[in-house]
């Protein structure tokens, strides 16, 4: 059963955030993930959304793989690098199909 990580990110320090991006490059794929969408909000259609927010959607083969990515020492080390550089929210979704 496929699992998805959906992250919303608002970057406040692009230089510092770049260190985080470099640190986790290729990590999703190492855990069987693939990026489906990575980009800035193109247009707010409804609700109170920061128009500068970025959205990342990654698909993993299963919940265990998604959690292994998000809980890996490599990810946690990368996340420490982005402290003070961005506000990040991550969600785990499961495709029941």
N, C-alpha and C. Protein backbone atom coordinates (compact mmCIF):
# COMPACT_ATOMS: atom_id res chain seq x y z
N UNK A 1 0.85 -1.17 0.00
CA UNK A 1 0.00 0.00 0.00
C UNK A 1 0.90 1.24 0.00
N UNK A 2 0.77 2.08 -1.00
CA UNK A 2 1.60 3.27 -1.13
C UNK A 2 1.36 4.24 0.02
N UNK A 3 2.43 4.93 0.40
CA UNK A 3 2.36 5.97 1.42
C UNK A 3 2.97 7.24 0.85
N UNK A 4 2.47 8.36 1.30
CA UNK A 4 2.92 9.65 0.79
C UNK A 4 3.34 10.54 1.95
N UNK A 5 4.43 11.23 1.76
CA UNK A 5 4.80 12.30 2.68
C UNK A 5 4.51 13.59 1.95
N UNK A 6 3.71 14.44 2.59
CA UNK A 6 3.39 15.76 2.07
C UNK A 6 3.98 16.76 3.05
N UNK A 7 4.89 17.58 2.56
CA UNK A 7 5.52 18.59 3.40
C UNK A 7 5.19 19.97 2.87
N UNK A 8 4.94 20.88 3.78
CA UNK A 8 4.79 22.29 3.42
C UNK A 8 5.94 23.04 4.09
N UNK A 9 6.55 23.92 3.33
CA UNK A 9 7.77 24.57 3.78
C UNK A 9 7.69 26.06 3.47
N UNK A 10 8.01 26.88 4.47
CA UNK A 10 8.16 28.31 4.27
C UNK A 10 9.60 28.65 4.65
N UNK A 11 10.36 29.08 3.68
CA UNK A 11 11.79 29.33 3.86
C UNK A 11 12.01 30.77 4.30
N UNK A 12 12.78 30.93 5.39
CA UNK A 12 13.11 32.27 5.88
C UNK A 12 14.59 32.62 5.66
N UNK A 13 15.42 31.60 5.49
CA UNK A 13 16.85 31.81 5.25
C UNK A 13 17.30 30.86 4.13
N UNK A 14 17.24 31.33 2.87
CA UNK A 14 17.55 30.45 1.74
C UNK A 14 18.97 29.88 1.76
N UNK A 15 19.93 30.62 2.25
CA UNK A 15 21.32 30.14 2.27
C UNK A 15 21.45 28.97 3.24
N UNK A 16 20.91 29.13 4.43
CA UNK A 16 20.96 28.06 5.43
C UNK A 16 20.12 26.86 4.99
N UNK A 17 18.98 27.14 4.37
CA UNK A 17 18.11 26.06 3.89
C UNK A 17 18.81 25.22 2.82
N UNK A 18 19.65 25.85 2.02
CA UNK A 18 20.38 25.13 0.97
C UNK A 18 21.29 24.05 1.57
N UNK A 19 21.83 24.29 2.76
CA UNK A 19 22.66 23.28 3.43
C UNK A 19 21.81 22.05 3.76
N UNK A 20 20.60 22.27 4.22
CA UNK A 20 19.67 21.18 4.52
C UNK A 20 19.36 20.40 3.23
N UNK A 21 19.05 21.11 2.17
CA UNK A 21 18.71 20.47 0.90
C UNK A 21 19.86 19.59 0.40
N UNK A 22 21.07 20.08 0.53
CA UNK A 22 22.24 19.29 0.13
C UNK A 22 22.40 18.05 1.00
N UNK A 23 22.15 18.20 2.30
CA UNK A 23 22.34 17.10 3.24
C UNK A 23 21.37 15.94 3.00
N UNK A 24 20.16 16.26 2.50
CA UNK A 24 19.18 15.18 2.30
C UNK A 24 19.03 14.77 0.83
N UNK A 25 19.83 15.34 -0.03
CA UNK A 25 19.74 15.00 -1.46
C UNK A 25 19.93 13.50 -1.65
N UNK A 26 18.98 12.86 -2.34
CA UNK A 26 19.05 11.44 -2.63
C UNK A 26 18.54 10.54 -1.51
N UNK A 27 18.23 11.10 -0.36
CA UNK A 27 17.82 10.29 0.78
C UNK A 27 16.44 9.66 0.59
N UNK A 28 15.51 10.39 0.03
CA UNK A 28 14.18 9.85 -0.24
C UNK A 28 14.28 8.62 -1.14
N UNK A 29 15.06 8.74 -2.19
CA UNK A 29 15.23 7.63 -3.14
C UNK A 29 15.89 6.42 -2.47
N UNK A 30 16.80 6.68 -1.54
CA UNK A 30 17.47 5.60 -0.80
C UNK A 30 16.46 4.74 -0.03
N UNK A 31 15.34 5.36 0.34
CA UNK A 31 14.29 4.66 1.09
C UNK A 31 13.12 4.24 0.19
N UNK A 32 13.35 4.24 -1.12
CA UNK A 32 12.32 3.81 -2.06
C UNK A 32 11.35 4.90 -2.46
N UNK A 33 11.63 6.13 -2.07
CA UNK A 33 10.74 7.25 -2.37
C UNK A 33 11.01 7.87 -3.72
N UNK A 34 10.00 8.56 -4.20
CA UNK A 34 10.16 9.36 -5.43
C UNK A 34 9.35 10.64 -5.26
N UNK A 35 9.94 11.72 -5.73
CA UNK A 35 9.25 13.00 -5.65
C UNK A 35 8.20 13.07 -6.75
N UNK A 36 6.98 13.42 -6.36
CA UNK A 36 5.91 13.62 -7.33
C UNK A 36 5.76 15.10 -7.65
N UNK A 37 5.91 15.93 -6.63
CA UNK A 37 5.77 17.38 -6.79
C UNK A 37 6.75 18.06 -5.83
N UNK A 38 7.44 19.06 -6.34
CA UNK A 38 8.30 19.91 -5.50
C UNK A 38 8.23 21.31 -6.09
N UNK A 39 7.59 22.21 -5.39
CA UNK A 39 7.55 23.55 -5.94
C UNK A 39 6.79 24.54 -5.08
N UNK A 40 6.91 25.78 -5.48
CA UNK A 40 6.24 26.89 -4.82
C UNK A 40 4.76 26.88 -5.20
N UNK A 41 3.92 27.30 -4.29
CA UNK A 41 2.49 27.40 -4.57
C UNK A 41 2.31 28.32 -5.78
N UNK A 42 1.63 27.82 -6.81
CA UNK A 42 1.41 28.61 -8.03
C UNK A 42 0.27 29.61 -7.84
N UNK A 43 -0.75 29.19 -7.12
CA UNK A 43 -1.92 30.04 -6.90
C UNK A 43 -2.71 29.48 -5.73
N UNK A 44 -3.15 30.37 -4.86
CA UNK A 44 -4.00 29.95 -3.74
C UNK A 44 -5.44 29.94 -4.24
N UNK A 45 -6.05 28.77 -4.20
CA UNK A 45 -7.43 28.63 -4.68
C UNK A 45 -8.45 28.76 -3.56
N UNK A 46 -8.05 28.41 -2.35
CA UNK A 46 -8.98 28.50 -1.22
C UNK A 46 -8.19 28.46 0.08
N UNK A 47 -8.65 29.19 1.06
CA UNK A 47 -8.06 29.12 2.39
C UNK A 47 -6.94 30.12 2.62
N UNK A 48 -6.43 30.09 3.84
CA UNK A 48 -5.38 31.00 4.28
C UNK A 48 -4.03 30.31 4.10
N UNK A 49 -3.45 30.49 2.94
CA UNK A 49 -2.19 29.83 2.58
C UNK A 49 -1.16 30.90 2.26
N UNK A 50 0.03 30.72 2.79
CA UNK A 50 1.13 31.61 2.46
C UNK A 50 1.50 31.38 0.99
N UNK A 51 1.40 32.40 0.15
CA UNK A 51 1.70 32.21 -1.28
C UNK A 51 3.17 31.88 -1.55
N UNK A 52 4.05 32.09 -0.57
CA UNK A 52 5.47 31.76 -0.73
C UNK A 52 5.80 30.35 -0.26
N UNK A 53 4.78 29.63 0.21
CA UNK A 53 4.98 28.28 0.71
C UNK A 53 5.38 27.34 -0.43
N UNK A 54 6.19 26.37 -0.10
CA UNK A 54 6.56 25.32 -1.04
C UNK A 54 5.91 24.03 -0.58
N UNK A 55 5.55 23.18 -1.52
CA UNK A 55 4.91 21.91 -1.22
C UNK A 55 5.72 20.80 -1.86
N UNK A 56 5.98 19.76 -1.06
CA UNK A 56 6.73 18.60 -1.55
C UNK A 56 5.88 17.37 -1.30
N UNK A 57 5.65 16.59 -2.35
CA UNK A 57 4.90 15.34 -2.24
C UNK A 57 5.81 14.21 -2.71
N UNK A 58 6.03 13.25 -1.82
CA UNK A 58 6.87 12.09 -2.14
C UNK A 58 6.05 10.83 -1.95
N UNK A 59 6.22 9.89 -2.88
CA UNK A 59 5.53 8.60 -2.77
C UNK A 59 6.55 7.54 -2.36
N UNK A 60 6.13 6.68 -1.42
CA UNK A 60 6.95 5.57 -0.95
C UNK A 60 6.16 4.28 -1.16
N UNK A 61 6.85 3.15 -1.26
CA UNK A 61 6.14 1.90 -1.51
C UNK A 61 5.22 1.48 -0.37
N UNK A 62 5.53 1.94 0.86
CA UNK A 62 4.72 1.55 2.01
C UNK A 62 5.01 2.50 3.18
N UNK A 63 4.22 2.36 4.24
CA UNK A 63 4.37 3.22 5.41
C UNK A 63 5.74 3.04 6.05
N UNK A 64 6.20 1.80 6.14
CA UNK A 64 7.49 1.54 6.78
C UNK A 64 8.63 2.29 6.07
N UNK A 65 8.60 2.32 4.76
CA UNK A 65 9.64 3.02 4.00
C UNK A 65 9.58 4.53 4.23
N UNK A 66 8.36 5.08 4.25
CA UNK A 66 8.19 6.51 4.49
C UNK A 66 8.69 6.89 5.88
N UNK A 67 8.34 6.08 6.86
CA UNK A 67 8.79 6.35 8.23
C UNK A 67 10.30 6.17 8.38
N UNK A 68 10.84 5.19 7.68
CA UNK A 68 12.29 4.97 7.73
C UNK A 68 13.03 6.20 7.21
N UNK A 69 12.50 6.82 6.17
CA UNK A 69 13.07 8.04 5.64
C UNK A 69 13.00 9.16 6.67
N UNK A 70 11.79 9.43 7.17
CA UNK A 70 11.57 10.57 8.07
C UNK A 70 12.26 10.40 9.42
N UNK A 71 12.50 9.15 9.82
CA UNK A 71 13.11 8.90 11.13
C UNK A 71 14.58 8.51 11.04
N UNK A 72 15.13 8.55 9.82
CA UNK A 72 16.51 8.13 9.64
C UNK A 72 17.48 9.14 10.28
N UNK A 73 18.62 8.65 10.75
CA UNK A 73 19.64 9.55 11.30
C UNK A 73 20.08 10.61 10.29
N UNK A 74 20.15 10.22 9.02
CA UNK A 74 20.56 11.18 7.98
C UNK A 74 19.55 12.32 7.85
N UNK A 75 18.26 11.97 7.88
CA UNK A 75 17.24 13.01 7.77
C UNK A 75 17.27 13.92 9.00
N UNK A 76 17.37 13.32 10.17
CA UNK A 76 17.39 14.10 11.40
C UNK A 76 18.59 15.05 11.44
N UNK A 77 19.74 14.59 10.95
CA UNK A 77 20.92 15.45 10.89
C UNK A 77 20.70 16.60 9.91
N UNK A 78 20.08 16.30 8.78
CA UNK A 78 19.76 17.35 7.81
C UNK A 78 18.77 18.35 8.37
N UNK A 79 17.75 17.84 9.06
CA UNK A 79 16.72 18.71 9.64
C UNK A 79 17.33 19.67 10.66
N UNK A 80 18.35 19.21 11.38
CA UNK A 80 19.01 20.09 12.36
C UNK A 80 19.67 21.27 11.66
N UNK A 81 20.15 21.05 10.43
CA UNK A 81 20.79 22.13 9.67
C UNK A 81 19.80 23.22 9.25
N UNK A 82 18.53 22.88 9.14
CA UNK A 82 17.56 23.87 8.66
C UNK A 82 16.91 24.65 9.80
N UNK A 83 17.27 24.34 11.05
CA UNK A 83 16.70 25.07 12.19
C UNK A 83 16.95 26.56 12.01
N UNK A 84 15.89 27.34 12.14
CA UNK A 84 16.00 28.78 11.96
C UNK A 84 15.96 29.22 10.51
N UNK A 85 15.89 28.26 9.59
CA UNK A 85 15.90 28.60 8.16
C UNK A 85 14.56 28.39 7.50
N UNK A 86 13.67 27.62 8.15
CA UNK A 86 12.38 27.32 7.52
C UNK A 86 11.41 26.78 8.55
N UNK A 87 10.16 26.97 8.23
CA UNK A 87 9.07 26.35 8.98
C UNK A 87 8.59 25.17 8.13
N UNK A 88 8.58 23.97 8.73
CA UNK A 88 8.26 22.76 7.97
C UNK A 88 7.18 21.97 8.70
N UNK A 89 6.19 21.52 7.94
CA UNK A 89 5.17 20.60 8.45
C UNK A 89 5.18 19.39 7.53
N UNK A 90 5.21 18.20 8.13
CA UNK A 90 5.20 16.96 7.34
C UNK A 90 4.00 16.12 7.74
N UNK A 91 3.37 15.54 6.74
CA UNK A 91 2.21 14.67 6.96
C UNK A 91 2.45 13.34 6.26
N UNK A 92 1.95 12.28 6.87
CA UNK A 92 1.99 10.96 6.25
C UNK A 92 0.57 10.60 5.83
N UNK A 93 0.41 10.27 4.55
CA UNK A 93 -0.88 9.84 4.03
C UNK A 93 -0.74 8.43 3.48
N UNK A 94 -1.80 7.66 3.60
CA UNK A 94 -1.78 6.29 3.10
C UNK A 94 -2.87 6.16 2.05
N UNK A 95 -2.50 5.58 0.92
CA UNK A 95 -3.46 5.34 -0.15
C UNK A 95 -4.16 4.02 0.13
N UNK A 96 -5.45 4.04 0.42
CA UNK A 96 -6.14 2.82 0.78
C UNK A 96 -6.40 1.89 -0.41
N UNK A 97 -6.12 2.38 -1.62
CA UNK A 97 -6.39 1.55 -2.81
C UNK A 97 -5.39 0.44 -2.98
